[in-house]
N, C-alpha and C. Protein backbone atom coordinates (compact mmCIF):
# COMPACT_ATOMS: atom_id res chain seq x y z
N MET A 1 119.94 110.25 5.79
CA MET A 1 120.44 108.92 6.05
C MET A 1 119.27 108.03 6.50
N ALA A 2 119.18 106.86 5.91
CA ALA A 2 118.10 105.94 6.27
C ALA A 2 118.37 105.28 7.61
N ARG A 3 117.30 105.02 8.33
CA ARG A 3 117.42 104.36 9.64
C ARG A 3 117.93 102.95 9.43
N GLU A 4 118.79 102.48 10.36
CA GLU A 4 119.33 101.12 10.29
C GLU A 4 118.21 100.10 10.42
N GLN A 5 117.30 100.37 11.33
CA GLN A 5 116.20 99.45 11.59
C GLN A 5 114.93 100.27 11.80
N GLN A 6 113.83 99.85 11.19
CA GLN A 6 112.56 100.53 11.39
C GLN A 6 111.90 100.02 12.66
N HIS A 7 111.26 100.94 13.38
CA HIS A 7 110.57 100.60 14.62
C HIS A 7 109.11 101.02 14.49
N ASP A 8 108.24 100.41 15.29
CA ASP A 8 106.82 100.78 15.27
C ASP A 8 106.66 102.27 15.54
N TYR A 9 107.47 102.82 16.44
CA TYR A 9 107.32 104.23 16.80
C TYR A 9 107.79 105.19 15.71
N ASP A 10 108.42 104.67 14.67
CA ASP A 10 108.78 105.54 13.53
C ASP A 10 107.53 105.95 12.76
N ASP A 11 106.42 105.28 13.02
CA ASP A 11 105.16 105.57 12.34
C ASP A 11 104.34 106.66 13.05
N ILE A 12 104.81 107.14 14.21
CA ILE A 12 104.09 108.17 14.94
C ILE A 12 104.19 109.48 14.16
N PRO A 13 103.07 110.09 13.82
CA PRO A 13 103.13 111.33 13.05
C PRO A 13 103.54 112.52 13.90
N GLY A 14 104.22 113.47 13.27
CA GLY A 14 104.52 114.74 13.92
C GLY A 14 105.71 114.72 14.86
N THR A 15 106.46 113.63 14.90
CA THR A 15 107.62 113.59 15.80
C THR A 15 108.64 112.59 15.30
N PHE A 16 109.81 112.68 15.86
CA PHE A 16 110.87 111.71 15.62
C PHE A 16 111.34 111.28 17.00
N VAL A 17 111.15 110.01 17.32
CA VAL A 17 111.52 109.51 18.64
C VAL A 17 113.04 109.51 18.77
N PHE A 18 113.51 110.10 19.85
CA PHE A 18 114.95 110.19 20.12
C PHE A 18 115.39 108.89 20.78
N ASP A 19 115.86 107.96 19.95
CA ASP A 19 116.30 106.67 20.46
C ASP A 19 117.83 106.58 20.36
N ALA A 20 118.38 105.43 20.65
CA ALA A 20 119.84 105.27 20.65
C ALA A 20 120.44 105.56 19.28
N GLU A 21 119.77 105.11 18.23
CA GLU A 21 120.28 105.34 16.87
C GLU A 21 120.31 106.83 16.55
N ARG A 22 119.22 107.53 16.86
CA ARG A 22 119.20 108.98 16.61
C ARG A 22 120.22 109.70 17.49
N SER A 23 120.41 109.21 18.68
CA SER A 23 121.39 109.82 19.59
C SER A 23 122.79 109.75 18.98
N ARG A 24 123.13 108.58 18.44
CA ARG A 24 124.46 108.43 17.79
C ARG A 24 124.55 109.33 16.57
N GLU A 25 123.51 109.29 15.75
CA GLU A 25 123.50 110.07 14.51
C GLU A 25 123.59 111.57 14.79
N GLY A 26 122.92 112.02 15.84
CA GLY A 26 122.84 113.45 16.13
C GLY A 26 123.85 113.97 17.11
N PHE A 27 124.86 113.18 17.44
CA PHE A 27 125.84 113.60 18.44
C PHE A 27 126.42 114.97 18.11
N GLY A 28 126.80 115.21 16.88
CA GLY A 28 127.38 116.49 16.48
C GLY A 28 126.41 117.65 16.66
N ILE A 29 125.17 117.46 16.24
CA ILE A 29 124.15 118.50 16.41
C ILE A 29 123.99 118.84 17.89
N ASN A 30 123.88 117.80 18.70
CA ASN A 30 123.62 118.01 20.12
C ASN A 30 124.81 118.64 20.84
N MET A 31 126.03 118.27 20.45
CA MET A 31 127.22 118.88 21.06
C MET A 31 127.34 120.35 20.63
N PHE A 32 126.99 120.62 19.38
CA PHE A 32 126.96 122.03 18.93
C PHE A 32 125.97 122.83 19.78
N CYS A 33 124.77 122.29 19.92
CA CYS A 33 123.73 123.00 20.68
C CYS A 33 124.16 123.19 22.14
N MET A 34 124.77 122.19 22.73
CA MET A 34 125.22 122.31 24.11
C MET A 34 126.33 123.35 24.24
N SER A 35 127.12 123.52 23.19
CA SER A 35 128.18 124.53 23.25
C SER A 35 127.60 125.93 23.41
N LEU A 36 126.36 126.10 22.99
CA LEU A 36 125.72 127.42 23.05
C LEU A 36 125.33 127.82 24.47
N MET A 37 125.63 126.97 25.43
CA MET A 37 125.37 127.32 26.83
C MET A 37 126.36 128.38 27.31
N LYS A 38 127.51 128.48 26.62
CA LYS A 38 128.54 129.46 27.02
C LYS A 38 128.42 130.71 26.15
N ASP A 39 128.47 131.85 26.81
CA ASP A 39 128.32 133.13 26.12
C ASP A 39 129.34 133.32 25.01
N GLU A 40 130.60 132.96 25.27
CA GLU A 40 131.63 133.16 24.24
C GLU A 40 131.36 132.31 23.00
N ASN A 41 130.77 131.13 23.19
CA ASN A 41 130.43 130.28 22.04
C ASN A 41 129.24 130.84 21.27
N ARG A 42 128.26 131.37 21.98
CA ARG A 42 127.12 132.01 21.29
C ARG A 42 127.61 133.17 20.43
N LYS A 43 128.50 133.97 21.00
CA LYS A 43 129.04 135.12 20.24
C LYS A 43 129.83 134.65 19.02
N ALA A 44 130.65 133.63 19.18
CA ALA A 44 131.44 133.11 18.05
C ALA A 44 130.52 132.55 16.97
N PHE A 45 129.49 131.84 17.38
CA PHE A 45 128.54 131.27 16.42
C PHE A 45 127.82 132.38 15.66
N LYS A 46 127.34 133.38 16.38
CA LYS A 46 126.60 134.47 15.72
C LYS A 46 127.51 135.29 14.80
N ALA A 47 128.79 135.36 15.12
CA ALA A 47 129.74 136.11 14.29
C ALA A 47 129.95 135.45 12.94
N ASN A 48 130.01 134.10 12.91
CA ASN A 48 130.23 133.38 11.65
C ASN A 48 129.69 131.96 11.83
N GLU A 49 128.43 131.78 11.56
CA GLU A 49 127.75 130.52 11.83
C GLU A 49 128.37 129.34 11.10
N ALA A 50 128.59 129.47 9.80
CA ALA A 50 129.12 128.35 9.00
C ALA A 50 130.51 127.95 9.49
N GLU A 51 131.33 128.92 9.81
CA GLU A 51 132.69 128.62 10.30
C GLU A 51 132.65 127.95 11.66
N TYR A 52 131.81 128.43 12.55
CA TYR A 52 131.70 127.85 13.89
C TYR A 52 131.27 126.38 13.81
N LEU A 53 130.36 126.06 12.91
CA LEU A 53 129.85 124.70 12.79
C LEU A 53 130.92 123.70 12.36
N LYS A 54 132.00 124.18 11.76
CA LYS A 54 133.08 123.29 11.32
C LYS A 54 133.79 122.62 12.50
N LYS A 55 133.60 123.13 13.70
CA LYS A 55 134.21 122.54 14.90
C LYS A 55 133.56 121.20 15.27
N PHE A 56 132.42 120.93 14.70
CA PHE A 56 131.64 119.75 15.09
C PHE A 56 131.53 118.78 13.93
N LYS A 57 131.45 117.50 14.24
CA LYS A 57 131.32 116.47 13.22
C LYS A 57 129.87 116.43 12.77
N LEU A 58 129.59 117.22 11.75
CA LEU A 58 128.23 117.32 11.21
C LEU A 58 128.21 116.85 9.77
N THR A 59 127.12 116.22 9.37
CA THR A 59 126.94 115.88 7.97
C THR A 59 126.52 117.17 7.24
N PRO A 60 126.64 117.20 5.93
CA PRO A 60 126.16 118.38 5.19
C PRO A 60 124.67 118.66 5.44
N GLU A 61 123.87 117.58 5.59
CA GLU A 61 122.44 117.74 5.85
C GLU A 61 122.21 118.39 7.22
N GLN A 62 122.99 117.98 8.21
CA GLN A 62 122.86 118.55 9.55
C GLN A 62 123.26 120.03 9.55
N THR A 63 124.36 120.34 8.89
CA THR A 63 124.81 121.73 8.80
C THR A 63 123.74 122.59 8.13
N ASP A 64 123.18 122.07 7.04
CA ASP A 64 122.14 122.80 6.31
C ASP A 64 120.92 123.02 7.19
N ALA A 65 120.50 122.01 7.92
CA ALA A 65 119.32 122.13 8.80
C ALA A 65 119.56 123.18 9.88
N ILE A 66 120.76 123.19 10.44
CA ILE A 66 121.08 124.19 11.48
C ILE A 66 121.07 125.59 10.89
N LEU A 67 121.75 125.78 9.78
CA LEU A 67 121.82 127.12 9.17
C LEU A 67 120.46 127.62 8.74
N LYS A 68 119.59 126.72 8.31
CA LYS A 68 118.23 127.11 7.89
C LYS A 68 117.25 127.16 9.05
N ARG A 69 117.71 126.74 10.24
CA ARG A 69 116.86 126.67 11.45
C ARG A 69 115.65 125.78 11.19
N ASP A 70 115.91 124.67 10.50
CA ASP A 70 114.87 123.68 10.22
C ASP A 70 114.86 122.69 11.38
N TYR A 71 114.11 123.03 12.41
CA TYR A 71 114.12 122.26 13.65
C TYR A 71 113.59 120.84 13.45
N ASN A 72 112.55 120.68 12.65
CA ASN A 72 112.03 119.33 12.40
C ASN A 72 113.10 118.46 11.73
N ARG A 73 113.81 119.02 10.79
CA ARG A 73 114.88 118.27 10.11
C ARG A 73 116.01 117.95 11.10
N MET A 74 116.34 118.89 11.99
CA MET A 74 117.37 118.62 13.00
C MET A 74 116.97 117.43 13.87
N LEU A 75 115.69 117.36 14.25
CA LEU A 75 115.21 116.23 15.05
C LEU A 75 115.29 114.93 14.25
N GLN A 76 114.93 115.00 12.99
CA GLN A 76 114.98 113.82 12.13
C GLN A 76 116.42 113.32 11.99
N LEU A 77 117.37 114.25 12.00
CA LEU A 77 118.78 113.90 11.84
C LEU A 77 119.49 113.63 13.17
N GLY A 78 118.72 113.47 14.24
CA GLY A 78 119.29 113.07 15.51
C GLY A 78 119.38 114.13 16.58
N GLY A 79 118.90 115.32 16.30
CA GLY A 79 118.90 116.36 17.32
C GLY A 79 117.89 116.05 18.40
N ASN A 80 118.22 116.43 19.60
CA ASN A 80 117.30 116.27 20.73
C ASN A 80 116.61 117.61 20.96
N ILE A 81 115.32 117.60 21.13
CA ILE A 81 114.54 118.84 21.24
C ILE A 81 115.06 119.74 22.35
N TYR A 82 115.51 119.16 23.46
CA TYR A 82 115.99 119.98 24.58
C TYR A 82 117.32 120.65 24.25
N PHE A 83 118.12 120.01 23.41
CA PHE A 83 119.38 120.62 22.99
C PHE A 83 119.14 121.65 21.89
N THR A 84 118.31 121.28 20.89
CA THR A 84 118.07 122.20 19.78
C THR A 84 117.36 123.47 20.24
N ALA A 85 116.65 123.39 21.34
CA ALA A 85 116.01 124.59 21.89
C ALA A 85 117.05 125.65 22.29
N LYS A 86 118.27 125.22 22.57
CA LYS A 86 119.34 126.16 22.91
C LYS A 86 119.70 127.03 21.70
N LEU A 87 119.57 126.47 20.51
CA LEU A 87 119.79 127.25 19.30
C LEU A 87 118.68 128.30 19.18
N GLY A 88 117.46 127.91 19.42
CA GLY A 88 116.35 128.87 19.39
C GLY A 88 116.54 129.97 20.40
N ALA A 89 116.99 129.62 21.60
CA ALA A 89 117.22 130.63 22.64
C ALA A 89 118.35 131.57 22.23
N THR A 90 119.36 131.02 21.56
CA THR A 90 120.47 131.86 21.07
C THR A 90 119.94 132.88 20.07
N ASP A 91 118.95 132.50 19.30
CA ASP A 91 118.33 133.43 18.34
C ASP A 91 117.29 134.33 18.99
N GLY A 92 117.05 134.14 20.30
CA GLY A 92 116.11 134.98 21.02
C GLY A 92 114.67 134.52 20.95
N HIS A 93 114.47 133.24 20.67
CA HIS A 93 113.11 132.72 20.54
C HIS A 93 112.70 131.87 21.74
N SER A 94 111.43 131.94 22.10
CA SER A 94 110.90 131.12 23.17
C SER A 94 110.63 129.71 22.65
N PHE A 95 110.44 128.79 23.58
CA PHE A 95 110.10 127.42 23.18
C PHE A 95 108.74 127.41 22.49
N GLN A 96 107.83 128.25 22.92
CA GLN A 96 106.51 128.33 22.28
C GLN A 96 106.66 128.76 20.82
N HIS A 97 107.57 129.68 20.56
CA HIS A 97 107.82 130.11 19.19
C HIS A 97 108.33 128.93 18.36
N LEU A 98 109.29 128.17 18.92
CA LEU A 98 109.85 127.02 18.19
C LEU A 98 108.77 125.99 17.90
N ALA A 99 107.94 125.70 18.89
CA ALA A 99 106.87 124.72 18.70
C ALA A 99 105.90 125.18 17.63
N ALA A 100 105.59 126.47 17.61
CA ALA A 100 104.69 127.00 16.58
C ALA A 100 105.31 126.84 15.20
N VAL A 101 106.58 127.19 15.08
CA VAL A 101 107.29 127.05 13.79
C VAL A 101 107.29 125.58 13.36
N MET A 102 107.55 124.69 14.30
CA MET A 102 107.64 123.27 13.98
C MET A 102 106.31 122.66 13.59
N THR A 103 105.21 123.26 14.03
CA THR A 103 103.88 122.75 13.68
C THR A 103 103.23 123.55 12.56
N GLY A 104 103.95 124.55 12.04
CA GLY A 104 103.42 125.34 10.93
C GLY A 104 102.28 126.25 11.33
N SER A 105 102.30 126.76 12.55
CA SER A 105 101.23 127.64 13.01
C SER A 105 101.82 128.90 13.64
N THR A 106 100.94 129.82 13.98
CA THR A 106 101.39 131.02 14.68
C THR A 106 101.51 130.67 16.17
N GLN A 107 102.22 131.51 16.91
CA GLN A 107 102.34 131.27 18.35
C GLN A 107 100.97 131.26 19.01
N GLN A 108 100.10 132.18 18.62
CA GLN A 108 98.78 132.25 19.23
C GLN A 108 97.94 131.02 18.90
N ASP A 109 97.98 130.60 17.63
CA ASP A 109 97.24 129.39 17.24
C ASP A 109 97.76 128.17 17.98
N TYR A 110 99.08 128.09 18.12
CA TYR A 110 99.68 126.96 18.84
C TYR A 110 99.24 126.98 20.31
N ALA A 111 99.32 128.15 20.94
CA ALA A 111 98.92 128.28 22.36
C ALA A 111 97.45 127.91 22.53
N ASP A 112 96.59 128.40 21.63
CA ASP A 112 95.15 128.08 21.70
C ASP A 112 94.92 126.58 21.57
N MET A 113 95.63 125.93 20.62
CA MET A 113 95.48 124.49 20.43
C MET A 113 95.88 123.74 21.70
N MET A 114 96.98 124.13 22.31
CA MET A 114 97.45 123.44 23.51
C MET A 114 96.50 123.67 24.69
N LEU A 115 95.95 124.87 24.80
CA LEU A 115 95.01 125.15 25.87
C LEU A 115 93.71 124.35 25.72
N LYS A 116 93.42 123.97 24.49
CA LYS A 116 92.23 123.17 24.22
C LYS A 116 92.52 121.67 24.31
N GLY A 117 93.73 121.31 24.73
CA GLY A 117 94.06 119.89 24.92
C GLY A 117 94.96 119.30 23.87
N GLY A 118 95.50 120.10 22.96
CA GLY A 118 96.40 119.59 21.93
C GLY A 118 95.66 119.09 20.71
N ARG A 119 96.41 118.45 19.83
CA ARG A 119 95.83 117.93 18.60
C ARG A 119 94.96 116.72 18.89
N SER A 120 93.93 116.56 18.10
CA SER A 120 93.09 115.38 18.22
C SER A 120 93.87 114.17 17.74
N VAL A 121 93.69 113.04 18.41
CA VAL A 121 94.36 111.82 17.96
C VAL A 121 93.65 111.21 16.76
N GLU A 122 92.39 111.54 16.59
CA GLU A 122 91.63 110.99 15.46
C GLU A 122 92.22 111.50 14.15
N GLY A 123 92.53 110.57 13.27
CA GLY A 123 93.12 110.92 11.98
C GLY A 123 94.59 111.30 12.09
N ASN A 124 95.18 111.13 13.26
CA ASN A 124 96.56 111.53 13.48
C ASN A 124 97.30 110.40 14.20
N ARG A 125 97.02 109.16 13.80
CA ARG A 125 97.55 108.00 14.51
C ARG A 125 98.83 107.44 13.92
N SER A 126 99.02 107.58 12.63
CA SER A 126 100.22 107.02 12.02
C SER A 126 100.53 107.75 10.73
N ARG A 127 101.80 107.71 10.35
CA ARG A 127 102.21 108.33 9.09
C ARG A 127 101.69 107.51 7.92
N THR A 128 101.69 106.19 8.08
CA THR A 128 101.32 105.31 6.98
C THR A 128 99.82 105.07 6.89
N GLY A 129 99.09 105.35 7.97
CA GLY A 129 97.66 105.11 7.97
C GLY A 129 97.30 103.68 8.31
N LYS A 130 98.31 102.87 8.70
CA LYS A 130 98.03 101.46 8.97
C LYS A 130 97.33 101.23 10.30
N ASN A 131 97.45 102.16 11.22
CA ASN A 131 96.84 101.97 12.53
C ASN A 131 95.39 102.42 12.51
N ALA A 132 94.52 101.55 12.98
CA ALA A 132 93.09 101.86 13.05
C ALA A 132 92.80 102.66 14.32
N PRO A 133 91.73 103.42 14.32
CA PRO A 133 91.37 104.14 15.55
C PRO A 133 91.20 103.17 16.71
N SER A 134 91.51 103.62 17.87
CA SER A 134 91.42 102.80 19.07
C SER A 134 89.97 102.44 19.37
N LYS A 135 89.73 101.20 19.77
CA LYS A 135 88.38 100.79 20.13
C LYS A 135 87.93 101.50 21.40
N TYR A 136 88.88 101.95 22.20
CA TYR A 136 88.55 102.64 23.45
C TYR A 136 88.11 104.08 23.20
N MET A 137 88.55 104.67 22.12
CA MET A 137 88.18 106.05 21.81
C MET A 137 86.75 106.14 21.30
N SER A 138 86.21 105.05 20.77
CA SER A 138 84.87 105.10 20.19
C SER A 138 83.79 104.67 21.19
N ALA A 139 84.17 104.33 22.42
CA ALA A 139 83.18 103.91 23.42
C ALA A 139 82.23 105.07 23.73
N ALA A 140 80.96 104.75 23.87
CA ALA A 140 79.95 105.78 24.14
C ALA A 140 80.15 106.37 25.52
N PRO A 141 80.11 107.70 25.66
CA PRO A 141 80.28 108.33 26.97
C PRO A 141 79.25 107.86 27.99
N ALA A 142 78.03 107.54 27.55
CA ALA A 142 76.98 107.11 28.48
C ALA A 142 77.38 105.79 29.15
N LYS A 143 78.00 104.89 28.40
CA LYS A 143 78.42 103.61 28.96
C LYS A 143 79.51 103.82 30.00
N LYS A 144 80.44 104.73 29.72
CA LYS A 144 81.52 105.01 30.66
C LYS A 144 80.96 105.60 31.96
N ALA A 145 80.00 106.50 31.82
CA ALA A 145 79.42 107.15 33.00
C ALA A 145 78.68 106.12 33.86
N ALA A 146 78.01 105.18 33.22
CA ALA A 146 77.27 104.17 33.96
C ALA A 146 78.23 103.23 34.69
N ALA A 147 79.38 102.98 34.12
CA ALA A 147 80.33 102.04 34.73
C ALA A 147 81.03 102.64 35.94
N LYS A 148 81.21 103.93 35.97
CA LYS A 148 81.96 104.56 37.06
C LYS A 148 81.31 104.39 38.43
N PRO A 149 80.00 104.62 38.60
CA PRO A 149 79.42 104.46 39.93
C PRO A 149 79.58 103.04 40.47
N GLN A 150 79.50 102.03 39.60
CA GLN A 150 79.67 100.66 40.04
C GLN A 150 81.08 100.44 40.56
N VAL A 151 82.06 100.99 39.88
CA VAL A 151 83.44 100.86 40.30
C VAL A 151 83.63 101.54 41.65
N LYS A 152 83.07 102.73 41.80
CA LYS A 152 83.19 103.46 43.06
C LYS A 152 82.51 102.70 44.18
N ALA A 153 81.34 102.13 43.90
CA ALA A 153 80.62 101.38 44.93
C ALA A 153 81.44 100.17 45.36
N LYS A 154 82.04 99.47 44.40
CA LYS A 154 82.87 98.32 44.72
C LYS A 154 84.09 98.77 45.52
N SER A 155 84.68 99.86 45.14
CA SER A 155 85.86 100.37 45.84
C SER A 155 85.53 100.74 47.27
N LYS A 156 84.38 101.39 47.47
CA LYS A 156 83.97 101.78 48.82
C LYS A 156 83.69 100.55 49.68
N ALA A 157 83.04 99.56 49.10
CA ALA A 157 82.75 98.33 49.84
C ALA A 157 84.05 97.62 50.21
N ALA A 158 84.99 97.56 49.29
CA ALA A 158 86.28 96.92 49.57
C ALA A 158 87.03 97.68 50.65
N ALA A 159 86.97 99.00 50.62
CA ALA A 159 87.64 99.81 51.63
C ALA A 159 87.03 99.58 53.01
N LYS A 160 85.69 99.49 53.07
CA LYS A 160 85.02 99.23 54.35
C LYS A 160 85.41 97.86 54.89
N THR A 161 85.47 96.86 54.03
CA THR A 161 85.85 95.51 54.45
C THR A 161 87.28 95.51 54.99
N LYS A 162 88.19 96.19 54.32
CA LYS A 162 89.57 96.28 54.78
C LYS A 162 89.66 96.99 56.13
N ALA A 163 88.88 98.06 56.27
CA ALA A 163 88.89 98.82 57.52
C ALA A 163 88.38 97.96 58.67
N LYS A 164 87.31 97.19 58.43
CA LYS A 164 86.76 96.30 59.48
C LYS A 164 87.79 95.24 59.86
N ALA A 165 88.49 94.68 58.87
CA ALA A 165 89.50 93.66 59.14
C ALA A 165 90.65 94.24 59.94
N LYS A 166 91.02 95.46 59.66
CA LYS A 166 92.10 96.13 60.37
C LYS A 166 91.72 96.38 61.83
N VAL A 167 90.49 96.83 62.03
CA VAL A 167 89.99 97.07 63.39
C VAL A 167 89.95 95.76 64.16
N ALA A 168 89.46 94.72 63.55
CA ALA A 168 89.37 93.41 64.21
C ALA A 168 90.76 92.90 64.57
N LYS A 169 91.72 93.11 63.70
CA LYS A 169 93.09 92.69 63.94
C LYS A 169 93.69 93.46 65.10
N SER A 170 93.48 94.77 65.12
CA SER A 170 94.06 95.59 66.18
C SER A 170 93.39 95.32 67.53
N VAL A 171 92.11 94.98 67.53
CA VAL A 171 91.42 94.63 68.79
C VAL A 171 92.03 93.36 69.35
N GLY A 172 92.34 92.42 68.50
CA GLY A 172 92.94 91.16 68.93
C GLY A 172 94.34 91.38 69.50
N LYS A 173 95.05 92.38 69.06
CA LYS A 173 96.40 92.67 69.54
C LYS A 173 96.41 93.46 70.84
N SER A 174 95.30 94.08 71.17
CA SER A 174 95.30 94.96 72.35
C SER A 174 94.86 94.23 73.63
N LYS A 175 95.26 93.00 73.77
CA LYS A 175 94.95 92.24 74.99
C LYS A 175 95.82 92.78 76.13
N PRO A 176 95.37 92.63 77.35
CA PRO A 176 96.18 93.07 78.47
C PRO A 176 97.52 92.36 78.49
N LYS A 177 98.55 93.03 79.05
CA LYS A 177 99.90 92.49 79.05
C LYS A 177 99.99 91.16 79.80
N ALA A 178 99.25 90.99 80.81
CA ALA A 178 99.29 89.77 81.60
C ALA A 178 98.91 88.58 80.74
N GLN A 179 97.97 88.74 79.84
CA GLN A 179 97.53 87.62 78.99
C GLN A 179 98.56 87.32 77.90
N LYS A 180 99.30 88.31 77.46
CA LYS A 180 100.26 88.09 76.38
C LYS A 180 101.43 87.24 76.85
N ARG A 181 101.76 87.26 78.15
CA ARG A 181 102.92 86.52 78.64
C ARG A 181 102.70 85.02 78.62
N LYS A 182 101.50 84.56 78.68
CA LYS A 182 101.22 83.13 78.73
C LYS A 182 101.51 82.47 77.48
């Protein structure tokens, strides 16, 4: 189903933003996934998956995505990652396993990538390629390093000035009680 309105964030690669429209569209998927919180529902689902899914208002595409465990498609059709993870848990999979499947990698490769700081933003800014690299990402590290000491020096000077003003203010308030009555 096509989105009613396109948003700038629809151009973010590798994800589908869960907004109000997707929430409405994916209500059935999410209610199905939430039903898996109860043991009796997990057992009923595992006994006959296609039959169990008939309890929920799902489109044929949503039913197909669930039965195929196509998590990316479930998200595209309105599933919320936190709800769809309950389906993965019902199948005995960790969230790391689901993330690896969704990114087309092994669990170890996924874990290694995340430990190294995740995917690079360079070349991964938009689906359409219309967004140019950030001007802030191309700044030379030497310039950034030179700017930091100046900021710290200014911050320290400002802190000292504030501290002196505070001391001066408190000294003015600590007059003897006899003088305050006048």
